[in-house]
N, C-alpha and C. Protein backbone atom coordinates (compact mmCIF):
# COMPACT_ATOMS: atom_id res chain seq x y z
N MET A 1 110.92 152.87 69.23
CA MET A 1 112.06 152.06 68.79
C MET A 1 112.22 150.85 69.69
N ALA A 2 112.08 151.05 71.00
CA ALA A 2 112.24 149.93 71.92
C ALA A 2 111.18 148.89 71.69
N ALA A 3 109.94 149.40 71.44
CA ALA A 3 108.84 148.46 71.20
C ALA A 3 109.09 147.66 69.93
N ALA A 4 109.59 148.35 68.89
CA ALA A 4 109.88 147.66 67.63
C ALA A 4 110.95 146.61 67.81
N ALA A 5 111.99 146.95 68.56
CA ALA A 5 113.08 146.00 68.79
C ALA A 5 112.58 144.78 69.54
N LYS A 6 111.71 145.04 70.53
CA LYS A 6 111.17 143.94 71.32
C LYS A 6 110.34 143.01 70.44
N SER A 7 109.55 143.62 69.54
CA SER A 7 108.71 142.83 68.64
C SER A 7 109.56 141.96 67.73
N ASN A 8 110.64 142.56 67.17
CA ASN A 8 111.52 141.79 66.29
C ASN A 8 112.15 140.61 67.02
N THR A 9 112.57 140.87 68.24
CA THR A 9 113.21 139.80 69.02
C THR A 9 112.24 138.65 69.25
N ASN A 10 110.98 138.98 69.54
CA ASN A 10 109.98 137.94 69.79
C ASN A 10 109.75 137.08 68.54
N TRP A 11 109.66 137.74 67.39
CA TRP A 11 109.47 136.97 66.15
C TRP A 11 110.67 136.09 65.86
N PHE A 12 111.85 136.59 66.16
CA PHE A 12 113.06 135.78 65.95
C PHE A 12 113.02 134.53 66.82
N ALA A 13 112.63 134.72 68.10
CA ALA A 13 112.55 133.59 69.03
C ALA A 13 111.51 132.58 68.57
N ILE A 14 110.37 133.09 68.11
CA ILE A 14 109.31 132.19 67.63
C ILE A 14 109.78 131.40 66.42
N GLY A 15 110.50 132.09 65.52
CA GLY A 15 111.02 131.41 64.33
C GLY A 15 111.98 130.29 64.69
N ILE A 16 112.88 130.58 65.64
CA ILE A 16 113.84 129.55 66.09
C ILE A 16 113.10 128.37 66.71
N SER A 17 112.12 128.66 67.53
CA SER A 17 111.35 127.60 68.19
C SER A 17 110.65 126.72 67.15
N ALA A 18 110.06 127.36 66.15
CA ALA A 18 109.36 126.61 65.11
C ALA A 18 110.32 125.72 64.34
N ALA A 19 111.51 126.27 64.05
CA ALA A 19 112.51 125.48 63.32
C ALA A 19 112.95 124.27 64.13
N VAL A 20 113.11 124.47 65.44
CA VAL A 20 113.50 123.35 66.31
C VAL A 20 112.43 122.28 66.30
N VAL A 21 111.17 122.70 66.37
CA VAL A 21 110.06 121.74 66.36
C VAL A 21 110.07 120.94 65.06
N VAL A 22 110.27 121.62 63.95
CA VAL A 22 110.30 120.94 62.65
C VAL A 22 111.42 119.90 62.61
N VAL A 23 112.59 120.29 63.10
CA VAL A 23 113.73 119.37 63.12
C VAL A 23 113.43 118.16 64.00
N LEU A 24 112.85 118.40 65.18
CA LEU A 24 112.53 117.30 66.10
C LEU A 24 111.50 116.35 65.49
N VAL A 25 110.51 116.91 64.82
CA VAL A 25 109.50 116.07 64.16
C VAL A 25 110.14 115.23 63.07
N ALA A 26 111.02 115.86 62.29
CA ALA A 26 111.70 115.14 61.22
C ALA A 26 112.57 114.01 61.78
N LEU A 27 113.29 114.32 62.86
CA LEU A 27 114.12 113.29 63.49
C LEU A 27 113.27 112.15 64.04
N GLY A 28 112.14 112.51 64.64
CA GLY A 28 111.24 111.48 65.15
C GLY A 28 110.73 110.58 64.04
N ALA A 29 110.36 111.19 62.93
CA ALA A 29 109.87 110.41 61.79
C ALA A 29 110.97 109.49 61.25
N LEU A 30 112.21 110.01 61.22
CA LEU A 30 113.33 109.21 60.75
C LEU A 30 113.56 108.01 61.66
N VAL A 31 113.48 108.24 62.96
CA VAL A 31 113.66 107.14 63.92
C VAL A 31 112.60 106.07 63.72
N VAL A 32 111.36 106.50 63.51
CA VAL A 32 110.27 105.54 63.28
C VAL A 32 110.53 104.72 62.02
N VAL A 33 110.95 105.39 60.95
CA VAL A 33 111.23 104.70 59.70
C VAL A 33 112.36 103.68 59.88
N LEU A 34 113.43 104.11 60.55
CA LEU A 34 114.56 103.21 60.75
C LEU A 34 114.18 102.03 61.63
N ASN A 35 113.38 102.28 62.66
CA ASN A 35 112.93 101.19 63.53
C ASN A 35 112.05 100.21 62.76
N ASN A 36 111.19 100.74 61.91
CA ASN A 36 110.33 99.87 61.11
C ASN A 36 111.15 99.02 60.15
N GLN A 37 112.17 99.65 59.56
CA GLN A 37 113.03 98.89 58.66
C GLN A 37 113.78 97.80 59.39
N ALA A 38 114.22 98.09 60.61
CA ALA A 38 115.00 97.13 61.37
C ALA A 38 114.16 95.95 61.82
N THR A 39 112.86 96.19 62.08
CA THR A 39 112.00 95.12 62.58
C THR A 39 111.12 94.51 61.52
N ALA A 40 111.18 95.00 60.29
CA ALA A 40 110.36 94.45 59.21
C ALA A 40 110.75 93.00 58.96
N PRO A 41 109.78 92.18 58.54
CA PRO A 41 110.06 90.75 58.37
C PRO A 41 110.98 90.43 57.20
N GLY A 42 111.19 91.35 56.31
CA GLY A 42 112.08 91.09 55.19
C GLY A 42 111.39 90.32 54.09
N THR A 43 112.09 90.14 53.00
CA THR A 43 111.55 89.47 51.83
C THR A 43 111.42 87.98 52.09
N ALA A 44 110.25 87.43 51.83
CA ALA A 44 110.05 85.99 51.95
C ALA A 44 110.50 85.30 50.67
N PRO A 45 111.15 84.16 50.78
CA PRO A 45 111.57 83.44 49.58
C PRO A 45 110.37 83.00 48.76
N SER A 46 110.45 83.14 47.47
CA SER A 46 109.39 82.69 46.57
C SER A 46 109.84 81.38 45.93
N SER A 47 109.20 80.30 46.34
CA SER A 47 109.59 78.98 45.85
C SER A 47 108.44 78.02 46.07
N ALA A 48 108.33 77.02 45.19
CA ALA A 48 107.29 76.01 45.32
C ALA A 48 107.45 75.19 46.59
N ILE A 49 108.66 75.14 47.15
CA ILE A 49 108.89 74.32 48.34
C ILE A 49 108.93 75.14 49.62
N VAL A 50 108.71 76.45 49.53
CA VAL A 50 108.73 77.30 50.72
C VAL A 50 107.32 77.81 51.02
N ASN A 51 106.87 77.54 52.23
CA ASN A 51 105.60 78.08 52.69
C ASN A 51 105.87 79.49 53.22
N GLU A 52 105.40 80.51 52.51
CA GLU A 52 105.72 81.88 52.87
C GLU A 52 105.10 82.28 54.20
N GLU A 53 104.04 81.60 54.62
CA GLU A 53 103.39 81.94 55.88
C GLU A 53 104.15 81.35 57.07
N THR A 54 104.57 80.09 56.96
CA THR A 54 105.24 79.44 58.10
C THR A 54 106.76 79.48 57.97
N GLY A 55 107.27 79.78 56.78
CA GLY A 55 108.71 79.79 56.56
C GLY A 55 109.31 78.42 56.36
N ALA A 56 108.48 77.39 56.33
CA ALA A 56 108.99 76.02 56.21
C ALA A 56 109.44 75.72 54.78
N ILE A 57 110.53 74.97 54.68
CA ILE A 57 110.96 74.39 53.41
C ILE A 57 110.48 72.94 53.46
N SER A 58 109.52 72.61 52.62
CA SER A 58 108.76 71.38 52.79
C SER A 58 109.11 70.32 51.75
N PHE A 59 109.09 69.07 52.24
CA PHE A 59 109.36 67.91 51.40
C PHE A 59 108.34 66.82 51.73
N GLY A 60 107.84 66.15 50.69
CA GLY A 60 106.87 65.08 50.89
C GLY A 60 105.46 65.61 51.02
N GLU A 61 104.51 64.66 50.93
CA GLU A 61 103.09 65.02 51.01
C GLU A 61 102.34 64.08 51.93
N GLY A 62 103.00 63.62 52.97
CA GLY A 62 102.35 62.72 53.91
C GLY A 62 101.36 63.44 54.80
N GLU A 63 100.43 62.68 55.37
CA GLU A 63 99.40 63.28 56.22
C GLU A 63 100.00 63.83 57.51
N THR A 64 100.95 63.10 58.07
CA THR A 64 101.60 63.56 59.31
C THR A 64 102.65 64.61 58.98
N GLU A 65 102.59 65.73 59.68
CA GLU A 65 103.55 66.81 59.44
C GLU A 65 104.56 66.86 60.58
N VAL A 66 105.82 66.83 60.20
CA VAL A 66 106.92 66.94 61.16
C VAL A 66 107.68 68.22 60.85
N ASP A 67 107.73 69.12 61.82
CA ASP A 67 108.47 70.38 61.67
C ASP A 67 109.71 70.33 62.55
N THR A 68 110.85 70.64 61.95
CA THR A 68 112.09 70.72 62.72
C THR A 68 112.68 72.10 62.56
N PHE A 69 113.10 72.70 63.67
CA PHE A 69 113.70 74.03 63.70
C PHE A 69 115.16 73.85 64.10
N VAL A 70 116.08 74.23 63.21
CA VAL A 70 117.49 73.96 63.46
C VAL A 70 118.35 75.20 63.21
N ASP A 71 119.44 75.27 63.95
CA ASP A 71 120.46 76.30 63.80
C ASP A 71 121.73 75.61 63.35
N PHE A 72 122.35 76.10 62.27
CA PHE A 72 123.48 75.40 61.67
C PHE A 72 124.77 75.51 62.48
N MET A 73 124.76 76.30 63.56
CA MET A 73 125.90 76.34 64.46
C MET A 73 125.68 75.41 65.66
N CYS A 74 124.49 74.86 65.81
CA CYS A 74 124.10 74.09 66.98
C CYS A 74 124.62 72.65 66.89
N PRO A 75 125.54 72.25 67.79
CA PRO A 75 126.07 70.89 67.72
C PRO A 75 125.02 69.82 67.99
N ILE A 76 124.05 70.13 68.85
CA ILE A 76 123.00 69.15 69.12
C ILE A 76 122.10 68.97 67.88
N CYS A 77 121.96 70.04 67.10
CA CYS A 77 121.23 69.91 65.83
C CYS A 77 121.98 68.97 64.88
N GLY A 78 123.30 69.08 64.88
CA GLY A 78 124.10 68.15 64.09
C GLY A 78 123.89 66.72 64.53
N ASP A 79 123.86 66.50 65.84
CA ASP A 79 123.61 65.15 66.37
C ASP A 79 122.20 64.69 65.99
N PHE A 80 121.25 65.59 66.07
CA PHE A 80 119.87 65.27 65.71
C PHE A 80 119.80 64.82 64.25
N GLU A 81 120.46 65.56 63.36
CA GLU A 81 120.43 65.19 61.94
C GLU A 81 121.14 63.86 61.71
N ASP A 82 122.24 63.61 62.43
CA ASP A 82 122.93 62.32 62.30
C ASP A 82 122.02 61.17 62.71
N THR A 83 121.21 61.42 63.73
CA THR A 83 120.36 60.36 64.28
C THR A 83 119.07 60.16 63.49
N TYR A 84 118.42 61.27 63.13
CA TYR A 84 117.08 61.17 62.55
C TYR A 84 116.95 61.70 61.12
N GLY A 85 117.94 62.45 60.66
CA GLY A 85 117.80 63.12 59.37
C GLY A 85 117.48 62.19 58.23
N GLU A 86 118.24 61.13 58.09
CA GLU A 86 118.02 60.21 56.97
C GLU A 86 116.65 59.55 57.04
N GLN A 87 116.23 59.15 58.24
CA GLN A 87 114.92 58.52 58.40
C GLN A 87 113.80 59.48 58.01
N LEU A 88 113.89 60.71 58.50
CA LEU A 88 112.85 61.69 58.21
C LEU A 88 112.80 62.02 56.72
N GLN A 89 113.96 62.18 56.11
CA GLN A 89 113.99 62.53 54.70
C GLN A 89 113.52 61.37 53.82
N SER A 90 113.84 60.14 54.21
CA SER A 90 113.35 58.98 53.46
C SER A 90 111.84 58.85 53.58
N ALA A 91 111.31 59.08 54.78
CA ALA A 91 109.86 59.03 54.98
C ALA A 91 109.17 60.10 54.16
N ALA A 92 109.78 61.29 54.06
CA ALA A 92 109.20 62.35 53.24
C ALA A 92 109.24 61.99 51.76
N ALA A 93 110.34 61.37 51.32
CA ALA A 93 110.46 60.98 49.93
C ALA A 93 109.41 59.94 49.55
N ASP A 94 109.01 59.12 50.54
CA ASP A 94 107.98 58.10 50.31
C ASP A 94 106.57 58.62 50.62
N ASP A 95 106.47 59.90 50.92
CA ASP A 95 105.20 60.53 51.25
C ASP A 95 104.52 59.91 52.47
N LYS A 96 105.33 59.39 53.37
CA LYS A 96 104.79 58.91 54.65
C LYS A 96 104.58 60.08 55.61
N ILE A 97 105.36 61.12 55.44
CA ILE A 97 105.23 62.33 56.23
C ILE A 97 105.43 63.54 55.33
N THR A 98 105.05 64.69 55.82
CA THR A 98 105.49 65.96 55.23
C THR A 98 106.53 66.52 56.18
N LEU A 99 107.74 66.69 55.68
CA LEU A 99 108.84 67.20 56.49
C LEU A 99 109.01 68.68 56.23
N ASN A 100 108.83 69.47 57.26
CA ASN A 100 108.97 70.93 57.17
C ASN A 100 110.23 71.37 57.90
N LEU A 101 111.21 71.81 57.14
CA LEU A 101 112.48 72.26 57.72
C LEU A 101 112.45 73.77 57.91
N HIS A 102 112.86 74.20 59.11
CA HIS A 102 112.88 75.63 59.44
C HIS A 102 114.31 76.05 59.80
N PRO A 103 115.04 76.66 58.89
CA PRO A 103 116.36 77.20 59.25
C PRO A 103 116.18 78.46 60.09
N ILE A 104 116.66 78.45 61.31
CA ILE A 104 116.49 79.62 62.18
C ILE A 104 117.85 80.01 62.77
N SER A 105 117.85 81.06 63.59
CA SER A 105 119.11 81.59 64.09
C SER A 105 118.97 82.04 65.54
N ILE A 106 119.63 81.32 66.44
CA ILE A 106 119.68 81.77 67.84
C ILE A 106 121.11 81.76 68.38
N LEU A 107 122.07 81.36 67.56
CA LEU A 107 123.44 81.18 68.07
C LEU A 107 124.47 82.07 67.37
N ASP A 108 124.04 83.21 66.84
CA ASP A 108 125.01 84.12 66.23
C ASP A 108 126.11 84.53 67.22
N ARG A 109 125.76 84.55 68.49
CA ARG A 109 126.73 84.98 69.51
C ARG A 109 127.91 84.03 69.62
N TYR A 110 127.82 82.86 69.03
CA TYR A 110 128.91 81.88 69.10
C TYR A 110 129.74 81.84 67.81
N SER A 111 129.65 82.87 66.98
CA SER A 111 130.41 82.85 65.72
C SER A 111 131.28 84.09 65.54
N GLN A 112 131.79 84.62 66.64
CA GLN A 112 132.77 85.71 66.60
C GLN A 112 132.29 86.90 65.76
N ASN A 113 131.01 87.25 65.95
CA ASN A 113 130.42 88.42 65.30
C ASN A 113 130.28 88.30 63.79
N THR A 114 130.32 87.08 63.25
CA THR A 114 130.12 86.90 61.81
C THR A 114 128.68 86.57 61.44
N GLU A 115 127.81 86.40 62.43
CA GLU A 115 126.41 86.05 62.21
C GLU A 115 126.28 84.78 61.38
N PHE A 116 127.10 83.79 61.69
CA PHE A 116 127.07 82.58 60.87
C PHE A 116 125.70 81.91 60.85
N SER A 117 125.06 81.79 62.01
CA SER A 117 123.77 81.11 62.05
C SER A 117 122.76 81.77 61.11
N THR A 118 122.71 83.09 61.15
CA THR A 118 121.78 83.83 60.29
C THR A 118 122.18 83.71 58.83
N ARG A 119 123.47 83.83 58.54
CA ARG A 119 123.92 83.75 57.15
C ARG A 119 123.68 82.36 56.56
N ALA A 120 123.93 81.33 57.35
CA ALA A 120 123.73 79.96 56.86
C ALA A 120 122.25 79.69 56.59
N ALA A 121 121.40 80.12 57.52
CA ALA A 121 119.96 79.92 57.32
C ALA A 121 119.48 80.68 56.08
N SER A 122 119.96 81.91 55.92
CA SER A 122 119.61 82.69 54.74
C SER A 122 120.08 81.98 53.47
N ALA A 123 121.26 81.39 53.52
CA ALA A 123 121.80 80.68 52.36
C ALA A 123 120.91 79.51 51.96
N VAL A 124 120.37 78.79 52.95
CA VAL A 124 119.47 77.68 52.65
C VAL A 124 118.22 78.18 51.95
N TYR A 125 117.70 79.31 52.42
CA TYR A 125 116.54 79.89 51.74
C TYR A 125 116.90 80.33 50.32
N CYS A 126 118.11 80.83 50.14
CA CYS A 126 118.55 81.21 48.79
C CYS A 126 118.52 80.01 47.85
N VAL A 127 119.04 78.89 48.31
CA VAL A 127 119.06 77.69 47.48
C VAL A 127 117.63 77.19 47.24
N ALA A 128 116.79 77.25 48.27
CA ALA A 128 115.40 76.83 48.11
C ALA A 128 114.68 77.67 47.06
N ALA A 129 115.05 78.96 47.00
CA ALA A 129 114.40 79.86 46.05
C ALA A 129 114.98 79.74 44.64
N GLU A 130 116.30 79.60 44.55
CA GLU A 130 116.97 79.65 43.25
C GLU A 130 117.24 78.28 42.64
N ALA A 131 117.34 77.25 43.48
CA ALA A 131 117.63 75.89 42.99
C ALA A 131 116.94 74.88 43.91
N PRO A 132 115.60 74.86 43.92
CA PRO A 132 114.87 74.06 44.89
C PRO A 132 115.20 72.57 44.87
N ASP A 133 115.56 72.04 43.73
CA ASP A 133 115.89 70.62 43.66
C ASP A 133 117.17 70.29 44.43
N SER A 134 117.96 71.32 44.74
CA SER A 134 119.22 71.12 45.46
C SER A 134 119.11 71.48 46.94
N ALA A 135 117.94 71.92 47.38
CA ALA A 135 117.81 72.47 48.73
C ALA A 135 118.12 71.44 49.81
N LEU A 136 117.61 70.23 49.67
CA LEU A 136 117.82 69.22 50.70
C LEU A 136 119.29 68.79 50.73
N ASP A 137 119.90 68.65 49.57
CA ASP A 137 121.32 68.29 49.51
C ASP A 137 122.17 69.39 50.17
N TYR A 138 121.79 70.63 49.94
CA TYR A 138 122.54 71.74 50.54
C TYR A 138 122.37 71.76 52.05
N PHE A 139 121.15 71.55 52.50
CA PHE A 139 120.86 71.46 53.93
C PHE A 139 121.76 70.41 54.58
N ASN A 140 121.83 69.23 53.97
CA ASN A 140 122.65 68.15 54.52
C ASN A 140 124.14 68.47 54.46
N LEU A 141 124.56 69.14 53.38
CA LEU A 141 125.98 69.46 53.23
C LEU A 141 126.43 70.48 54.27
N LEU A 142 125.55 71.39 54.64
CA LEU A 142 125.90 72.36 55.68
C LEU A 142 126.16 71.65 57.00
N PHE A 143 125.37 70.66 57.32
CA PHE A 143 125.62 69.93 58.57
C PHE A 143 126.86 69.04 58.45
N ALA A 144 127.12 68.52 57.26
CA ALA A 144 128.34 67.73 57.07
C ALA A 144 129.59 68.59 57.24
N ASN A 145 129.45 69.90 57.01
CA ASN A 145 130.57 70.83 57.15
C ASN A 145 130.32 71.81 58.29
N GLN A 146 129.61 71.37 59.30
CA GLN A 146 129.23 72.25 60.40
C GLN A 146 130.45 72.72 61.18
N PRO A 147 130.59 74.03 61.37
CA PRO A 147 131.70 74.56 62.17
C PRO A 147 131.45 74.37 63.66
N GLU A 148 132.49 74.46 64.44
CA GLU A 148 132.35 74.37 65.88
C GLU A 148 131.88 75.71 66.44
N GLU A 149 131.21 75.65 67.59
CA GLU A 149 130.82 76.87 68.27
C GLU A 149 132.06 77.67 68.65
N ASN A 150 131.89 78.98 68.74
CA ASN A 150 132.96 79.92 69.10
C ASN A 150 134.06 80.00 68.04
N THR A 151 133.71 79.64 66.81
CA THR A 151 134.58 79.92 65.66
C THR A 151 133.84 80.90 64.76
N ALA A 152 134.52 81.38 63.73
CA ALA A 152 133.89 82.34 62.81
C ALA A 152 132.87 81.68 61.90
N GLY A 153 132.84 80.36 61.89
CA GLY A 153 131.92 79.68 60.99
C GLY A 153 132.41 79.72 59.55
N LEU A 154 131.55 79.38 58.63
CA LEU A 154 131.89 79.41 57.22
C LEU A 154 131.71 80.82 56.66
N SER A 155 132.61 81.22 55.77
CA SER A 155 132.48 82.52 55.12
C SER A 155 131.40 82.44 54.05
N ASP A 156 131.00 83.60 53.54
CA ASP A 156 130.03 83.61 52.44
C ASP A 156 130.59 82.88 51.22
N ASP A 157 131.88 83.04 50.95
CA ASP A 157 132.49 82.33 49.82
C ASP A 157 132.41 80.82 50.01
N GLU A 158 132.59 80.38 51.24
CA GLU A 158 132.49 78.93 51.51
C GLU A 158 131.05 78.45 51.39
N LEU A 159 130.11 79.27 51.83
CA LEU A 159 128.70 78.91 51.66
C LEU A 159 128.34 78.82 50.18
N VAL A 160 128.88 79.72 49.38
CA VAL A 160 128.65 79.68 47.93
C VAL A 160 129.31 78.44 47.33
N SER A 161 130.51 78.12 47.78
CA SER A 161 131.22 76.95 47.26
C SER A 161 130.43 75.66 47.52
N LEU A 162 129.85 75.56 48.70
CA LEU A 162 129.04 74.38 49.01
C LEU A 162 127.80 74.33 48.13
N ALA A 163 127.23 75.49 47.84
CA ALA A 163 126.08 75.54 46.94
C ALA A 163 126.47 75.05 45.54
N ASP A 164 127.65 75.45 45.09
CA ASP A 164 128.14 74.98 43.79
C ASP A 164 128.25 73.46 43.76
N GLN A 165 128.67 72.89 44.88
CA GLN A 165 128.86 71.44 44.94
C GLN A 165 127.57 70.65 44.75
N VAL A 166 126.43 71.26 45.09
CA VAL A 166 125.16 70.56 44.94
C VAL A 166 124.36 71.08 43.74
N GLY A 167 125.03 71.82 42.86
CA GLY A 167 124.37 72.31 41.66
C GLY A 167 123.48 73.50 41.87
N ALA A 168 123.80 74.31 42.90
CA ALA A 168 122.98 75.48 43.21
C ALA A 168 123.76 76.78 43.02
N GLY A 169 124.59 76.81 41.98
CA GLY A 169 125.38 78.01 41.71
C GLY A 169 124.52 79.24 41.47
N ALA A 170 123.27 79.03 41.05
CA ALA A 170 122.38 80.17 40.78
C ALA A 170 122.07 80.97 42.03
N ALA A 171 122.33 80.38 43.19
CA ALA A 171 122.04 81.06 44.46
C ALA A 171 123.20 81.91 44.96
N ALA A 172 124.29 81.97 44.22
CA ALA A 172 125.52 82.62 44.70
C ALA A 172 125.30 84.08 45.10
N ASP A 173 124.69 84.87 44.23
CA ASP A 173 124.50 86.29 44.54
C ASP A 173 123.58 86.48 45.74
N CYS A 174 122.56 85.67 45.82
CA CYS A 174 121.61 85.74 46.94
C CYS A 174 122.33 85.44 48.26
N ILE A 175 123.19 84.44 48.24
CA ILE A 175 123.95 84.08 49.44
C ILE A 175 124.89 85.21 49.83
N ALA A 176 125.62 85.74 48.85
CA ALA A 176 126.57 86.82 49.13
C ALA A 176 125.88 88.07 49.66
N ASP A 177 124.66 88.33 49.18
CA ASP A 177 123.92 89.52 49.59
C ASP A 177 123.19 89.34 50.93
N GLY A 178 123.13 88.11 51.41
CA GLY A 178 122.38 87.86 52.65
C GLY A 178 120.91 88.22 52.49
N THR A 179 120.35 87.87 51.35
CA THR A 179 119.01 88.33 50.99
C THR A 179 117.94 88.01 52.03
N TYR A 180 118.03 86.86 52.65
CA TYR A 180 116.95 86.43 53.55
C TYR A 180 117.33 86.48 55.02
N LYS A 181 118.35 87.24 55.36
CA LYS A 181 118.76 87.33 56.76
C LYS A 181 117.64 87.90 57.64
N ARG A 182 117.01 88.95 57.19
CA ARG A 182 115.94 89.55 57.98
C ARG A 182 114.75 88.60 58.10
N PHE A 183 114.48 87.86 57.03
CA PHE A 183 113.40 86.87 57.06
C PHE A 183 113.71 85.78 58.08
N VAL A 184 114.96 85.35 58.15
CA VAL A 184 115.37 84.35 59.14
C VAL A 184 115.10 84.86 60.55
N THR A 185 115.48 86.10 60.81
CA THR A 185 115.26 86.67 62.15
C THR A 185 113.78 86.73 62.49
N SER A 186 112.96 87.15 61.54
CA SER A 186 111.52 87.25 61.81
C SER A 186 110.92 85.88 62.05
N GLN A 187 111.37 84.87 61.30
CA GLN A 187 110.84 83.53 61.50
C GLN A 187 111.24 82.97 62.87
N THR A 188 112.46 83.23 63.27
CA THR A 188 112.93 82.78 64.58
C THR A 188 112.07 83.38 65.68
N ASN A 189 111.78 84.67 65.56
CA ASN A 189 110.95 85.35 66.57
C ASN A 189 109.50 84.90 66.50
N ASP A 190 108.97 84.77 65.29
CA ASP A 190 107.56 84.43 65.13
C ASP A 190 107.24 83.05 65.70
N HIS A 191 108.18 82.13 65.59
CA HIS A 191 107.95 80.77 66.08
C HIS A 191 108.39 80.59 67.53
N ASP A 192 108.88 81.67 68.13
CA ASP A 192 109.26 81.65 69.55
C ASP A 192 110.23 80.49 69.85
N ILE A 193 111.31 80.45 69.10
CA ILE A 193 112.30 79.38 69.27
C ILE A 193 113.31 79.79 70.33
N GLN A 194 113.37 79.02 71.40
CA GLN A 194 114.27 79.29 72.52
C GLN A 194 115.47 78.35 72.53
N GLY A 195 115.36 77.23 71.87
CA GLY A 195 116.45 76.25 71.83
C GLY A 195 116.32 75.39 70.60
N THR A 196 117.42 74.81 70.19
CA THR A 196 117.41 73.95 69.01
C THR A 196 118.10 72.63 69.34
N PRO A 197 117.68 71.53 68.69
CA PRO A 197 116.55 71.47 67.76
C PRO A 197 115.21 71.55 68.48
N THR A 198 114.23 72.11 67.80
CA THR A 198 112.85 72.10 68.28
C THR A 198 112.04 71.29 67.27
N VAL A 199 111.19 70.42 67.78
CA VAL A 199 110.41 69.52 66.92
C VAL A 199 108.92 69.70 67.21
N GLU A 200 108.14 69.77 66.14
CA GLU A 200 106.69 69.76 66.25
C GLU A 200 106.13 68.64 65.39
N ILE A 201 105.11 67.96 65.89
CA ILE A 201 104.41 66.93 65.13
C ILE A 201 102.95 67.33 65.04
N ASP A 202 102.51 67.56 63.82
CA ASP A 202 101.14 68.04 63.59
C ASP A 202 100.82 69.25 64.45
N GLY A 203 101.78 70.15 64.55
CA GLY A 203 101.58 71.40 65.26
C GLY A 203 101.82 71.35 66.75
N GLU A 204 102.07 70.16 67.29
CA GLU A 204 102.33 70.01 68.73
C GLU A 204 103.84 70.03 68.98
N ARG A 205 104.28 70.94 69.83
CA ARG A 205 105.70 71.01 70.16
C ARG A 205 106.05 69.87 71.11
N ILE A 206 107.10 69.12 70.75
CA ILE A 206 107.46 67.89 71.45
C ILE A 206 108.65 68.14 72.38
N GLU A 207 108.55 67.61 73.60
CA GLU A 207 109.69 67.65 74.51
C GLU A 207 110.83 66.81 73.93
N ASN A 208 112.06 67.29 74.10
CA ASN A 208 113.20 66.57 73.54
C ASN A 208 113.27 65.12 74.03
N SER A 209 112.87 64.90 75.27
CA SER A 209 112.93 63.55 75.84
C SER A 209 111.93 62.61 75.18
N GLU A 210 110.95 63.16 74.46
CA GLU A 210 109.92 62.33 73.84
C GLU A 210 110.12 62.14 72.34
N ILE A 211 111.11 62.83 71.78
CA ILE A 211 111.28 62.82 70.32
C ILE A 211 111.50 61.40 69.79
N GLY A 212 112.41 60.65 70.42
CA GLY A 212 112.71 59.31 69.93
C GLY A 212 111.49 58.42 69.90
N ALA A 213 110.70 58.42 70.97
CA ALA A 213 109.51 57.57 71.04
C ALA A 213 108.47 58.00 70.01
N ARG A 214 108.28 59.28 69.85
CA ARG A 214 107.28 59.77 68.89
C ARG A 214 107.71 59.46 67.46
N PHE A 215 108.98 59.60 67.16
CA PHE A 215 109.46 59.27 65.83
C PHE A 215 109.33 57.77 65.56
N ALA A 216 109.55 56.96 66.59
CA ALA A 216 109.41 55.51 66.42
C ALA A 216 107.97 55.15 66.04
N GLN A 217 107.01 55.86 66.62
CA GLN A 217 105.60 55.63 66.27
C GLN A 217 105.31 56.00 64.83
N ILE A 218 105.93 57.10 64.40
CA ILE A 218 105.64 57.62 63.06
C ILE A 218 106.41 56.86 61.98
N LEU A 219 107.68 56.62 62.26
CA LEU A 219 108.57 56.08 61.23
C LEU A 219 108.64 54.56 61.26
N GLY A 220 108.23 53.95 62.36
CA GLY A 220 108.26 52.49 62.46
C GLY A 220 109.62 51.94 62.82
């Protein structure tokens, strides 16, 4: 009887141990899945004006390529657009350059936990995907209505309202859903953006102190 009892106890212990192992394996697998979901690049916008590999929203077909990386909460980006935006966009319209705009996000910490930088960048991709003819107007309108740092920024309803103003009402659901937020994060990381604005000319990253002189060479 004692031997039988001892045997039963051992099998019970083995069963418990096996169950614990199964649970731990399942939890480990769940953690891996959740981590993969959190770090996945997200859905890339499908649009004739979006390069799915580089994330650029492109305008013009000039030989010289100018890439600008901007955060819609960044006041210096606003100054940059005031100074160079019209020149760059006009040059792209005349096919003197190819202008590649990269909406990115590094300043969410300055929007009172609303993730404004990420939401605004995602909204631009929404317009590029759903109403590409309105994308540049929407880009400019966001800077015209740029919120100050350390505010909540624009709400999703306000981002949708601005889209309506430029004829991009079709992007409303995409904006409200934050469809491209994860894509924005992956693009920011992939391009190793540490500060905004960041400018590249034909793939060469330009020091901020040299931007004016280099643009003068390109734009005349």
